[in-house]
Structures are given as C-alpha cells and as structure tokens.
Amino acid sequence: MTSFQRREQLIEIGRSLFASKGFEAVSVEEIAATAKVSKPIVYEHFGGKEGLYAVVVDREMRALTDTLVNALSDQQAHPRQIVERAALALLTYVEENAKGFRVLTRDSPKTDPAGSFSSLLGDISIRVEDLLTESFKRQHLPAKGVPYYAQMLIGMTVYTCQYWADQRKLSKEQLAAHIVNLAWYGLSRMEAKPELRFEGDKAQREAEKRMEREERKAVKGPKSENPLPQSSPMATSSPEETEAD
C-alpha cells in the first residue's frame, strides 16, 4: 500500500470511528488497530488524533459548503425554488455522506478551529439573510427580523436532517417537500408585527380586560327587550267612578 493509499485508509477509518463514537471516545490505539498498523504510522501521517479529525472535518466542510453555496447562488431563481433546492441539496449530502454529516454534527474537541460546523452555518445564514432581505422588502416587512428568521430556517432544516439521518421513513424528496411546506408557507404569510395571541404579558392583559367586561355585563343583568308600559293614574279608574260620570 502506498503512502497516499495508507493516508486515505486512515481518513476513512477515522471518519467512521468519529461518526459512530464521537471525537473524545476515539483513541489513536483504536484507529491504528482498526487499520492494522502501528500507532507511529498514525502519528506519521497526522501527528495524532486531532490532526486526523481536522482532516476529516475539513473535507466534509468543503463538500457541504460547495453543496449549499451552489444551491443558494442563483439570485434569479424564484424564492421558493431556492428553498426547495437548498433543502434537497442538504438532504442529498446527508444521504451520500452520512458518516461525514454525523462527524460534523457530533461533539467536537474543545480546540475546534474556526472552520467548524457552527461556523459553516454562520456563513450560510448570511447568504440566507441576503435572500430574505429581498423577500421582506417585497412584502413590506421590517428588516430587523431577517437574521432571526434566517437562523430559524437553518436550525429547522439542519435538525430535521439530523433526525432523518437515523430515521429514513421518508424519501429525501418527500422530506424536502415537508420542509418547504413549513418554511415557504410560513414565509409567504408573515405578519409585519406578529404578536402572541394566547400567551405572554400583553395577551394576559387582554384576557383580563375581557373578563372584566364580561363581569360588568353580568352584574348589570340582561335588559328586557319589550318592557311593559306603566299605566298612568288617570288611565285607571274604577267602574264606580265611570258610572258616576
């Protein structure tokens, strides 16, 4: 086996072990034993477990970044098409690189470099913000909510992909359609000034006001729709008085 082949073998073994156990639980001894080589070989190629992990993460980061950037790069596409394309692209990556995706989303070492999964999501969120800004302008929505909505969309999609990676009861096209269904119809029907209707301080005050109005209405009692007219003293006379006249 050439040096290049040995290196690729160790990278693949490292990817599998880090995906199944996480960084902290994997040792150089286990990596070497799985590859059927001595520990010095691992140190020779990567300097240790941290070096191997960094190579694995770097490869997965570049692959995932290229996938998402390509999906979000067409500024002329319909906004819904971009949402569909991004959801399907991420699910395709998960389908084809299940181990790599698990490595990215599992626990990482405390010395994790800036090129981590969280930093990738930060970069992607900026691209999503740019797309949402244009959409918000068209709908006359305040732009100050854009960064939060971008994080919501990314978080929703990523965590759904994590769940799907272990629970593939739907095809990637079906799941992408569900993601788009929630994301797109939520985005297309947003209110400029959303409010909580049942929970929160303002909703509680409104509920108290309604109760007070109902209580006052109950105290007053129901008003009679057809009250009987009161007869005047002159209108009521006894038969004796009538005969006397």
Protein backbone atom coordinates (compact mmCIF):
# COMPACT_ATOMS: atom_id res chain seq x y z
CA MET A 1 0.00 0.00 0.00
CA THR A 2 1.43 3.38 -1.00
CA SER A 3 1.72 6.26 1.44
CA PHE A 4 -1.22 8.03 -0.24
CA GLN A 5 -3.38 4.90 -0.02
CA ARG A 6 -2.49 4.44 3.64
CA ARG A 7 -3.41 8.05 4.35
CA GLU A 8 -6.77 7.67 2.62
CA GLN A 9 -7.41 4.45 4.52
CA LEU A 10 -6.75 6.17 7.85
CA ILE A 11 -9.01 9.08 6.88
CA GLU A 12 -11.87 6.71 6.05
CA ILE A 13 -11.36 4.76 9.28
CA GLY A 14 -11.21 7.98 11.26
CA ARG A 15 -14.43 9.22 9.63
CA SER A 16 -16.23 6.00 10.58
CA LEU A 17 -14.99 5.98 14.18
CA PHE A 18 -15.61 9.68 14.81
CA ALA A 19 -19.11 9.34 13.31
CA SER A 20 -20.08 6.38 15.49
CA LYS A 21 -18.36 7.32 18.76
CA GLY A 22 -17.52 11.00 18.70
CA PHE A 23 -14.11 12.61 18.96
CA GLU A 24 -13.49 12.12 22.67
CA ALA A 25 -14.28 8.39 22.69
CA VAL A 26 -11.87 7.50 19.88
CA SER A 27 -8.19 6.81 20.62
CA VAL A 28 -5.08 6.57 18.45
CA GLU A 29 -4.80 2.96 19.57
CA GLU A 30 -8.25 2.15 18.19
CA ILE A 31 -7.54 3.93 14.91
CA ALA A 32 -4.27 2.01 14.48
CA ALA A 33 -5.83 -1.32 15.45
CA THR A 34 -8.70 -0.86 13.00
CA ALA A 35 -6.26 -0.03 10.21
CA LYS A 36 -3.97 -2.89 11.31
CA VAL A 37 -0.99 -0.59 11.60
CA SER A 38 1.16 0.62 14.46
CA LYS A 39 0.46 3.90 16.29
CA PRO A 40 3.58 5.58 14.85
CA ILE A 41 2.02 5.29 11.39
CA VAL A 42 -0.96 7.37 12.53
CA TYR A 43 1.35 9.95 14.10
CA GLU A 44 3.50 10.00 10.97
CA HIS A 45 0.55 10.94 8.74
CA PHE A 46 -1.47 13.20 11.02
CA GLY A 47 0.52 13.94 14.17
CA GLY A 48 -2.20 12.37 16.31
CA LYS A 49 -5.94 12.02 16.69
CA GLU A 50 -6.54 15.77 16.49
CA GLY A 51 -4.76 16.01 13.15
CA LEU A 52 -6.79 13.18 11.65
CA TYR A 53 -10.02 14.68 12.96
CA ALA A 54 -9.12 18.07 11.44
CA VAL A 55 -8.55 16.49 8.01
CA VAL A 56 -11.86 14.62 8.15
CA VAL A 57 -13.77 17.75 9.20
CA ASP A 58 -12.05 19.89 6.57
CA ARG A 59 -13.05 17.51 3.77
CA GLU A 60 -16.66 17.33 4.92
CA MET A 61 -16.85 21.08 5.41
CA ARG A 62 -15.64 21.75 1.89
CA ALA A 63 -18.07 19.23 0.42
CA LEU A 64 -21.05 20.59 2.36
CA THR A 65 -20.10 24.22 1.74
CA ASP A 66 -19.91 23.67 -2.00
CA THR A 67 -23.27 21.90 -1.93
CA LEU A 68 -25.09 24.68 -0.07
CA VAL A 69 -23.38 27.58 -1.81
CA ASN A 70 -24.34 26.17 -5.21
CA ALA A 71 -27.94 25.74 -4.05
CA LEU A 72 -28.16 29.33 -2.82
CA SER A 73 -26.17 31.06 -5.55
CA ASP A 74 -28.84 31.61 -8.22
CA GLN A 75 -30.19 35.05 -7.38
CA GLN A 76 -32.53 34.99 -10.40
CA ALA A 77 -34.39 31.86 -9.33
CA HIS A 78 -37.83 32.05 -7.73
CA PRO A 79 -37.51 32.25 -3.90
CA ARG A 80 -39.44 29.02 -3.47
CA GLN A 81 -37.15 27.27 -5.93
CA ILE A 82 -34.17 28.36 -3.85
CA VAL A 83 -35.78 26.97 -0.68
CA GLU A 84 -36.53 23.68 -2.45
CA ARG A 85 -33.05 23.48 -3.94
CA ALA A 86 -31.33 24.15 -0.61
CA ALA A 87 -33.42 21.61 1.32
CA LEU A 88 -32.89 18.92 -1.31
CA ALA A 89 -29.17 19.69 -1.59
CA LEU A 90 -28.63 19.27 2.15
CA LEU A 91 -30.62 16.04 2.25
CA THR A 92 -28.65 14.72 -0.72
CA TYR A 93 -25.41 15.46 1.10
CA VAL A 94 -26.69 13.63 4.19
CA GLU A 95 -27.76 10.67 2.05
CA GLU A 96 -24.43 10.40 0.27
CA ASN A 97 -22.18 11.36 3.18
CA ALA A 98 -23.95 10.01 6.25
CA LYS A 99 -20.75 9.41 8.21
CA GLY A 100 -19.34 12.79 7.35
CA PHE A 101 -22.55 14.55 8.39
CA ARG A 102 -22.51 12.74 11.73
CA VAL A 103 -18.91 13.82 12.30
CA LEU A 104 -19.87 17.45 11.69
CA THR A 105 -22.91 17.39 13.95
CA ARG A 106 -21.47 15.32 16.81
CA ASP A 107 -19.38 16.62 19.69
CA SER A 108 -16.15 18.29 18.60
CA PRO A 109 -12.91 18.86 20.52
CA LYS A 110 -12.61 21.93 22.72
CA THR A 111 -9.83 23.13 20.43
CA ASP A 112 -12.21 23.04 17.46
CA PRO A 113 -10.94 25.55 14.87
CA ALA A 114 -12.93 28.33 13.30
CA GLY A 115 -13.71 26.02 10.39
CA SER A 116 -16.34 24.12 12.37
CA PHE A 117 -19.89 23.15 11.55
CA SER A 118 -21.24 26.06 13.57
CA SER A 119 -19.06 28.50 11.63
CA LEU A 120 -20.31 26.98 8.38
CA LEU A 121 -23.90 27.52 9.47
CA GLY A 122 -22.98 31.10 10.32
CA ASP A 123 -21.66 31.65 6.80
CA ILE A 124 -24.75 30.05 5.26
CA SER A 125 -27.04 32.15 7.45
CA ILE A 126 -25.52 35.29 5.93
CA ARG A 127 -26.45 34.06 2.45
CA VAL A 128 -29.95 33.23 3.64
CA GLU A 129 -30.24 36.70 5.17
CA ASP A 130 -29.45 38.25 1.79
CA LEU A 131 -32.23 36.23 0.18
CA LEU A 132 -34.71 37.02 2.95
CA THR A 133 -33.91 40.72 2.83
CA GLU A 134 -35.15 40.94 -0.75
CA SER A 135 -38.23 38.89 0.09
CA PHE A 136 -39.01 41.09 3.11
CA LYS A 137 -38.74 44.22 1.01
CA ARG A 138 -41.27 42.88 -1.47
CA GLN A 139 -43.68 42.05 1.36
CA HIS A 140 -43.06 45.35 3.18
CA LEU A 141 -41.85 43.56 6.29
CA PRO A 142 -39.39 45.08 8.80
CA ALA A 143 -35.82 44.01 8.05
CA LYS A 144 -34.76 43.78 11.71
CA GLY A 145 -36.31 40.30 11.90
CA VAL A 146 -34.28 38.90 8.98
CA PRO A 147 -31.31 37.48 10.98
CA TYR A 148 -33.67 35.64 13.34
CA TYR A 149 -35.74 34.14 10.55
CA ALA A 150 -32.55 33.02 8.80
CA GLN A 151 -31.44 31.19 11.95
CA MET A 152 -34.89 29.62 12.31
CA LEU A 153 -34.84 28.27 8.76
CA ILE A 154 -31.33 26.89 9.08
CA GLY A 155 -31.92 25.36 12.50
CA MET A 156 -35.19 23.76 11.42
CA THR A 157 -33.59 22.22 8.34
CA VAL A 158 -30.38 21.02 9.98
CA TYR A 159 -32.08 19.37 12.94
CA THR A 160 -34.60 17.73 10.64
CA CYS A 161 -31.71 16.34 8.60
CA GLN A 162 -30.07 15.01 11.76
CA TYR A 163 -33.28 13.18 12.65
CA TRP A 164 -33.69 11.88 9.10
CA ALA A 165 -30.14 10.55 9.07
CA ASP A 166 -31.26 7.91 11.59
CA GLN A 167 -34.99 7.71 10.76
CA ARG A 168 -35.34 7.46 6.99
CA LYS A 169 -39.02 6.66 6.74
CA LEU A 170 -39.47 9.30 4.03
CA SER A 171 -37.54 9.74 0.81
CA LYS A 172 -35.38 12.83 0.55
CA GLU A 173 -37.84 14.34 -1.96
CA GLN A 174 -40.76 13.77 0.41
CA LEU A 175 -38.93 15.24 3.37
CA ALA A 176 -37.71 18.20 1.30
CA ALA A 177 -41.35 18.86 0.35
CA HIS A 178 -42.35 18.87 4.03
CA ILE A 179 -39.53 21.26 4.93
CA VAL A 180 -40.50 23.59 2.09
CA ASN A 181 -44.17 23.33 3.03
CA LEU A 182 -43.49 24.67 6.51
CA ALA A 183 -40.80 27.17 5.52
CA TRP A 184 -42.42 28.58 2.40
CA TYR A 185 -45.98 28.98 3.64
CA GLY A 186 -44.67 30.43 6.86
CA LEU A 187 -42.59 32.98 4.96
CA SER A 188 -45.33 33.85 2.49
CA ARG A 189 -47.94 34.62 5.18
CA MET A 190 -45.91 36.50 7.74
CA GLU A 191 -47.32 39.47 9.60
CA ALA A 192 -45.42 42.74 9.76
CA LYS A 193 -45.96 42.96 13.53
CA PRO A 194 -46.56 39.44 14.85
CA GLU A 195 -47.96 39.08 18.36
CA LEU A 196 -48.70 36.25 20.76
CA ARG A 197 -52.46 35.73 20.97
CA PHE A 198 -52.77 33.46 23.99
CA GLU A 199 -49.52 33.65 25.95
CA GLY A 200 -47.28 36.46 27.18
CA ASP A 201 -47.88 39.65 29.21
CA LYS A 202 -49.85 41.52 26.56
CA ALA A 203 -52.11 38.56 25.83
CA GLN A 204 -52.69 38.14 29.58
CA ARG A 205 -53.69 41.79 29.97
CA GLU A 206 -56.12 41.49 27.06
CA ALA A 207 -57.62 38.37 28.62
CA GLU A 208 -58.07 40.18 31.95
CA LYS A 209 -59.81 43.09 30.22
CA ARG A 210 -62.21 40.69 28.50
CA MET A 211 -63.03 39.04 31.82
CA GLU A 212 -63.68 42.42 33.45
CA ARG A 213 -66.05 43.41 30.65
CA GLU A 214 -67.92 40.12 30.96
CA GLU A 215 -68.19 40.51 34.74
CA ARG A 216 -69.59 44.05 34.44
CA LYS A 217 -72.07 42.85 31.87
CA ALA A 218 -73.15 40.01 34.18
CA VAL A 219 -73.62 42.38 37.16
CA LYS A 220 -75.90 44.70 35.17
CA GLY A 221 -78.03 41.74 34.17
CA PRO A 222 -79.91 41.20 30.92
CA LYS A 223 -82.05 44.08 29.66
CA SER A 224 -85.68 43.32 28.83
CA GLU A 225 -86.31 43.68 25.14
CA ASN A 226 -90.04 44.62 25.47
CA PRO A 227 -90.65 46.28 28.88
CA LEU A 228 -94.30 46.64 29.86
CA PRO A 229 -95.53 50.27 29.72
CA GLN A 230 -96.52 51.74 33.06
CA SER A 231 -100.14 52.94 33.16
CA SER A 232 -100.77 56.47 34.49
CA PRO A 233 -103.11 57.12 37.42
CA MET A 234 -105.57 58.91 35.13
CA ALA A 235 -105.84 55.88 32.87
CA THR A 236 -107.04 53.53 35.63
CA SER A 237 -110.50 54.21 37.03
CA SER A 238 -112.90 52.01 38.90
CA PRO A 239 -116.28 51.00 37.46
CA GLU A 240 -117.98 53.07 40.20
CA GLU A 241 -116.20 56.23 39.08
CA THR A 242 -117.20 55.57 35.47
CA GLU A 243 -120.86 55.13 36.34
CA ALA A 244 -120.83 58.24 38.46
CA ASP A 245 -119.66 60.25 35.50
